[in-house]
Amino acid sequence: MTDAGKTTLAVALKRALKLQGLPVVHFDGEELRALMDNYDFTEAGRRRNITTVQALATKLHAEGVVVVTSFVSPYRQLRKILEAGAQPVEVR
């Protein structure tokens, strides 16, 4: 499997935002899986991973932090839930 560039783009964006003086945090899918010890790639496992990062991102955003994420999010329904509560910018 080759690198799709999600993390590379996210790290560059985080760096650019920090240079502008913005508080910013980056959540990466692989890092979050390691922190949560969730290596379940079934639909349920993926949903658990995505809903966790959505909750973290929503909380941090409410506190004034810019949140950059780099995840595979294969379920449109989960993306719609996030869109209802935030103003995400999705890069494809």
N, C-alpha and C. Protein backbone atom coordinates (compact mmCIF):
# COMPACT_ATOMS: atom_id res chain seq x y z
N MET A 1 0.84 -1.17 0.00
CA MET A 1 0.00 0.00 0.00
C MET A 1 0.89 1.24 0.00
N THR A 2 0.58 2.20 -0.83
CA THR A 2 1.38 3.42 -0.91
C THR A 2 0.75 4.53 -0.09
N ASP A 3 1.58 5.49 0.25
CA ASP A 3 1.11 6.64 1.02
C ASP A 3 0.28 7.54 0.12
N ALA A 4 -0.91 7.88 0.57
CA ALA A 4 -1.81 8.74 -0.22
C ALA A 4 -1.52 10.21 -0.01
N GLY A 5 -0.72 10.56 0.99
CA GLY A 5 -0.36 11.94 1.23
C GLY A 5 -1.21 12.67 2.26
N LYS A 6 -2.13 11.96 2.91
CA LYS A 6 -3.02 12.62 3.90
C LYS A 6 -2.21 13.25 5.02
N THR A 7 -1.33 12.49 5.62
CA THR A 7 -0.54 12.99 6.74
C THR A 7 0.42 14.09 6.29
N THR A 8 1.04 13.91 5.16
CA THR A 8 1.97 14.91 4.64
C THR A 8 1.27 16.26 4.46
N LEU A 9 0.09 16.24 3.86
CA LEU A 9 -0.67 17.49 3.69
C LEU A 9 -1.10 18.07 5.02
N ALA A 10 -1.55 17.22 5.92
CA ALA A 10 -2.01 17.69 7.23
C ALA A 10 -0.88 18.35 8.02
N VAL A 11 0.31 17.75 7.99
CA VAL A 11 1.45 18.30 8.70
C VAL A 11 1.84 19.66 8.11
N ALA A 12 1.83 19.78 6.79
CA ALA A 12 2.14 21.05 6.14
C ALA A 12 1.11 22.11 6.50
N LEU A 13 -0.17 21.73 6.52
CA LEU A 13 -1.23 22.67 6.88
C LEU A 13 -1.07 23.11 8.33
N LYS A 14 -0.80 22.18 9.22
CA LYS A 14 -0.60 22.52 10.63
C LYS A 14 0.54 23.52 10.78
N ARG A 15 1.63 23.26 10.09
CA ARG A 15 2.78 24.15 10.16
C ARG A 15 2.42 25.56 9.69
N ALA A 16 1.69 25.65 8.58
CA ALA A 16 1.29 26.95 8.03
C ALA A 16 0.36 27.70 8.98
N LEU A 17 -0.56 26.99 9.59
CA LEU A 17 -1.49 27.62 10.53
C LEU A 17 -0.76 28.10 11.79
N LYS A 18 0.19 27.29 12.26
CA LYS A 18 0.97 27.70 13.44
C LYS A 18 1.78 28.96 13.14
N LEU A 19 2.32 29.06 11.93
CA LEU A 19 3.08 30.25 11.55
C LEU A 19 2.21 31.50 11.56
N GLN A 20 0.91 31.32 11.39
CA GLN A 20 -0.03 32.44 11.45
C GLN A 20 -0.45 32.74 12.90
N GLY A 21 0.09 31.97 13.83
CA GLY A 21 -0.20 32.20 15.24
C GLY A 21 -1.47 31.54 15.75
N LEU A 22 -2.02 30.63 14.96
CA LEU A 22 -3.26 29.96 15.36
C LEU A 22 -2.97 28.74 16.24
N PRO A 23 -3.83 28.50 17.23
CA PRO A 23 -3.68 27.26 18.00
C PRO A 23 -4.20 26.11 17.14
N VAL A 24 -3.39 25.12 16.94
CA VAL A 24 -3.76 24.03 16.03
C VAL A 24 -3.27 22.70 16.56
N VAL A 25 -4.07 21.67 16.34
CA VAL A 25 -3.70 20.31 16.69
C VAL A 25 -3.99 19.42 15.49
N HIS A 26 -3.20 18.37 15.32
CA HIS A 26 -3.38 17.43 14.22
C HIS A 26 -3.65 16.05 14.79
N PHE A 27 -4.72 15.43 14.31
CA PHE A 27 -5.02 14.05 14.64
C PHE A 27 -4.82 13.21 13.40
N ASP A 28 -3.99 12.19 13.52
CA ASP A 28 -3.72 11.27 12.41
C ASP A 28 -4.38 9.92 12.72
N GLY A 29 -4.94 9.31 11.70
CA GLY A 29 -5.66 8.05 11.88
C GLY A 29 -4.82 6.96 12.52
N GLU A 30 -3.61 6.78 12.04
CA GLU A 30 -2.75 5.72 12.58
C GLU A 30 -2.35 6.02 14.03
N GLU A 31 -2.06 7.28 14.32
CA GLU A 31 -1.68 7.63 15.69
C GLU A 31 -2.86 7.43 16.65
N LEU A 32 -4.06 7.82 16.21
CA LEU A 32 -5.23 7.64 17.07
C LEU A 32 -5.51 6.16 17.30
N ARG A 33 -5.37 5.35 16.27
CA ARG A 33 -5.57 3.90 16.43
C ARG A 33 -4.61 3.35 17.48
N ALA A 34 -3.36 3.81 17.43
CA ALA A 34 -2.37 3.34 18.41
C ALA A 34 -2.74 3.80 19.82
N LEU A 35 -3.15 5.05 19.97
CA LEU A 35 -3.53 5.57 21.28
C LEU A 35 -4.73 4.83 21.87
N MET A 36 -5.68 4.50 20.99
CA MET A 36 -6.91 3.84 21.44
C MET A 36 -6.78 2.32 21.44
N ASP A 37 -5.65 1.83 20.94
CA ASP A 37 -5.45 0.39 20.78
C ASP A 37 -6.60 -0.22 19.98
N ASN A 38 -6.97 0.48 18.91
CA ASN A 38 -8.08 0.05 18.06
C ASN A 38 -7.55 -0.27 16.67
N TYR A 39 -7.22 -1.51 16.44
CA TYR A 39 -6.75 -1.94 15.13
C TYR A 39 -7.81 -2.78 14.42
N ASP A 40 -9.04 -2.48 14.76
CA ASP A 40 -10.19 -3.17 14.18
C ASP A 40 -10.60 -2.43 12.91
N PHE A 41 -10.37 -3.03 11.76
CA PHE A 41 -10.69 -2.39 10.49
C PHE A 41 -12.04 -2.82 9.92
N THR A 42 -12.86 -3.45 10.79
CA THR A 42 -14.22 -3.74 10.37
C THR A 42 -14.99 -2.42 10.34
N GLU A 43 -16.21 -2.45 9.85
CA GLU A 43 -17.02 -1.23 9.82
C GLU A 43 -17.19 -0.67 11.23
N ALA A 44 -17.45 -1.54 12.20
CA ALA A 44 -17.64 -1.08 13.58
C ALA A 44 -16.38 -0.43 14.12
N GLY A 45 -15.24 -1.02 13.86
CA GLY A 45 -13.97 -0.46 14.33
C GLY A 45 -13.66 0.87 13.68
N ARG A 46 -13.91 0.98 12.39
CA ARG A 46 -13.69 2.25 11.68
C ARG A 46 -14.63 3.32 12.21
N ARG A 47 -15.88 2.96 12.43
CA ARG A 47 -16.85 3.92 12.97
C ARG A 47 -16.42 4.41 14.35
N ARG A 48 -15.95 3.50 15.19
CA ARG A 48 -15.50 3.88 16.53
C ARG A 48 -14.33 4.87 16.44
N ASN A 49 -13.40 4.61 15.55
CA ASN A 49 -12.25 5.49 15.37
C ASN A 49 -12.68 6.88 14.90
N ILE A 50 -13.54 6.92 13.90
CA ILE A 50 -13.98 8.20 13.33
C ILE A 50 -14.84 8.98 14.31
N THR A 51 -15.77 8.31 15.00
CA THR A 51 -16.61 9.05 15.95
C THR A 51 -15.78 9.59 17.13
N THR A 52 -14.74 8.88 17.51
CA THR A 52 -13.86 9.37 18.57
C THR A 52 -13.16 10.64 18.14
N VAL A 53 -12.59 10.64 16.95
CA VAL A 53 -11.88 11.84 16.49
C VAL A 53 -12.86 12.99 16.26
N GLN A 54 -14.07 12.68 15.82
CA GLN A 54 -15.07 13.74 15.65
C GLN A 54 -15.39 14.39 17.00
N ALA A 55 -15.53 13.59 18.04
CA ALA A 55 -15.84 14.14 19.36
C ALA A 55 -14.68 14.99 19.87
N LEU A 56 -13.47 14.51 19.71
CA LEU A 56 -12.30 15.28 20.12
C LEU A 56 -12.18 16.58 19.34
N ALA A 57 -12.36 16.50 18.03
CA ALA A 57 -12.26 17.69 17.18
C ALA A 57 -13.34 18.71 17.51
N THR A 58 -14.54 18.25 17.74
CA THR A 58 -15.65 19.15 18.07
C THR A 58 -15.37 19.88 19.37
N LYS A 59 -14.89 19.16 20.37
CA LYS A 59 -14.57 19.77 21.66
C LYS A 59 -13.46 20.81 21.52
N LEU A 60 -12.39 20.44 20.85
CA LEU A 60 -11.27 21.37 20.69
C LEU A 60 -11.67 22.59 19.86
N HIS A 61 -12.45 22.36 18.82
CA HIS A 61 -12.93 23.48 17.99
C HIS A 61 -13.76 24.45 18.82
N ALA A 62 -14.59 23.93 19.70
CA ALA A 62 -15.41 24.77 20.57
C ALA A 62 -14.55 25.59 21.52
N GLU A 63 -13.34 25.12 21.79
CA GLU A 63 -12.40 25.83 22.67
C GLU A 63 -11.49 26.78 21.87
N GLY A 64 -11.74 26.90 20.56
CA GLY A 64 -10.98 27.84 19.75
C GLY A 64 -9.74 27.27 19.08
N VAL A 65 -9.60 25.97 19.08
CA VAL A 65 -8.45 25.33 18.46
C VAL A 65 -8.81 24.90 17.04
N VAL A 66 -7.90 25.16 16.10
CA VAL A 66 -8.08 24.66 14.74
C VAL A 66 -7.66 23.20 14.75
N VAL A 67 -8.50 22.33 14.23
CA VAL A 67 -8.22 20.90 14.24
C VAL A 67 -8.02 20.42 12.80
N VAL A 68 -6.87 19.80 12.58
CA VAL A 68 -6.54 19.20 11.29
C VAL A 68 -6.53 17.70 11.50
N THR A 69 -7.23 16.98 10.65
CA THR A 69 -7.24 15.52 10.77
C THR A 69 -6.79 14.89 9.46
N SER A 70 -6.20 13.72 9.57
CA SER A 70 -5.84 12.95 8.38
C SER A 70 -6.29 11.52 8.61
N PHE A 71 -7.47 11.23 8.04
CA PHE A 71 -8.14 9.95 8.23
C PHE A 71 -8.73 9.47 6.92
N VAL A 72 -8.87 8.17 6.82
CA VAL A 72 -9.73 7.60 5.80
C VAL A 72 -11.11 7.56 6.44
N SER A 73 -12.07 8.19 5.79
CA SER A 73 -13.43 8.24 6.33
C SER A 73 -14.39 7.73 5.25
N PRO A 74 -14.55 6.42 5.18
CA PRO A 74 -15.30 5.84 4.07
C PRO A 74 -16.82 5.94 4.17
N TYR A 75 -17.33 6.45 5.28
CA TYR A 75 -18.77 6.44 5.46
C TYR A 75 -19.34 7.85 5.39
N ARG A 76 -20.05 8.15 4.33
CA ARG A 76 -20.63 9.47 4.09
C ARG A 76 -21.52 9.89 5.26
N GLN A 77 -22.23 8.95 5.85
CA GLN A 77 -23.12 9.26 6.98
C GLN A 77 -22.34 9.91 8.13
N LEU A 78 -21.15 9.38 8.43
CA LEU A 78 -20.35 9.96 9.51
C LEU A 78 -19.84 11.34 9.14
N ARG A 79 -19.49 11.55 7.89
CA ARG A 79 -19.04 12.87 7.45
C ARG A 79 -20.18 13.88 7.56
N LYS A 80 -21.40 13.45 7.24
CA LYS A 80 -22.56 14.34 7.34
C LYS A 80 -22.83 14.76 8.79
N ILE A 81 -22.62 13.85 9.72
CA ILE A 81 -22.80 14.18 11.14
C ILE A 81 -21.81 15.27 11.54
N LEU A 82 -20.58 15.14 11.13
CA LEU A 82 -19.58 16.15 11.44
C LEU A 82 -19.94 17.48 10.79
N GLU A 83 -20.36 17.44 9.55
CA GLU A 83 -20.71 18.66 8.83
C GLU A 83 -21.85 19.41 9.50
N ALA A 84 -22.73 18.69 10.19
CA ALA A 84 -23.87 19.33 10.86
C ALA A 84 -23.42 20.15 12.05
N GLY A 85 -22.29 19.80 12.66
CA GLY A 85 -21.87 20.48 13.86
C GLY A 85 -20.61 21.32 13.71
N ALA A 86 -20.03 21.34 12.53
CA ALA A 86 -18.79 22.09 12.32
C ALA A 86 -18.75 22.58 10.88
N GLN A 87 -17.65 23.18 10.53
CA GLN A 87 -17.46 23.66 9.16
C GLN A 87 -16.19 23.02 8.61
N PRO A 88 -16.22 21.72 8.39
CA PRO A 88 -15.00 21.06 7.93
C PRO A 88 -14.69 21.37 6.48
N VAL A 89 -13.42 21.27 6.17
CA VAL A 89 -12.97 21.37 4.79
C VAL A 89 -12.40 19.99 4.46
N GLU A 90 -13.02 19.34 3.51
CA GLU A 90 -12.62 17.98 3.14
C GLU A 90 -11.70 18.04 1.93
N VAL A 91 -10.55 17.39 2.05
CA VAL A 91 -9.60 17.30 0.94
C VAL A 91 -9.65 15.89 0.40
N ARG A 92 -9.84 15.79 -0.90
CA ARG A 92 -9.89 14.45 -1.52
C ARG A 92 -8.75 14.26 -2.48
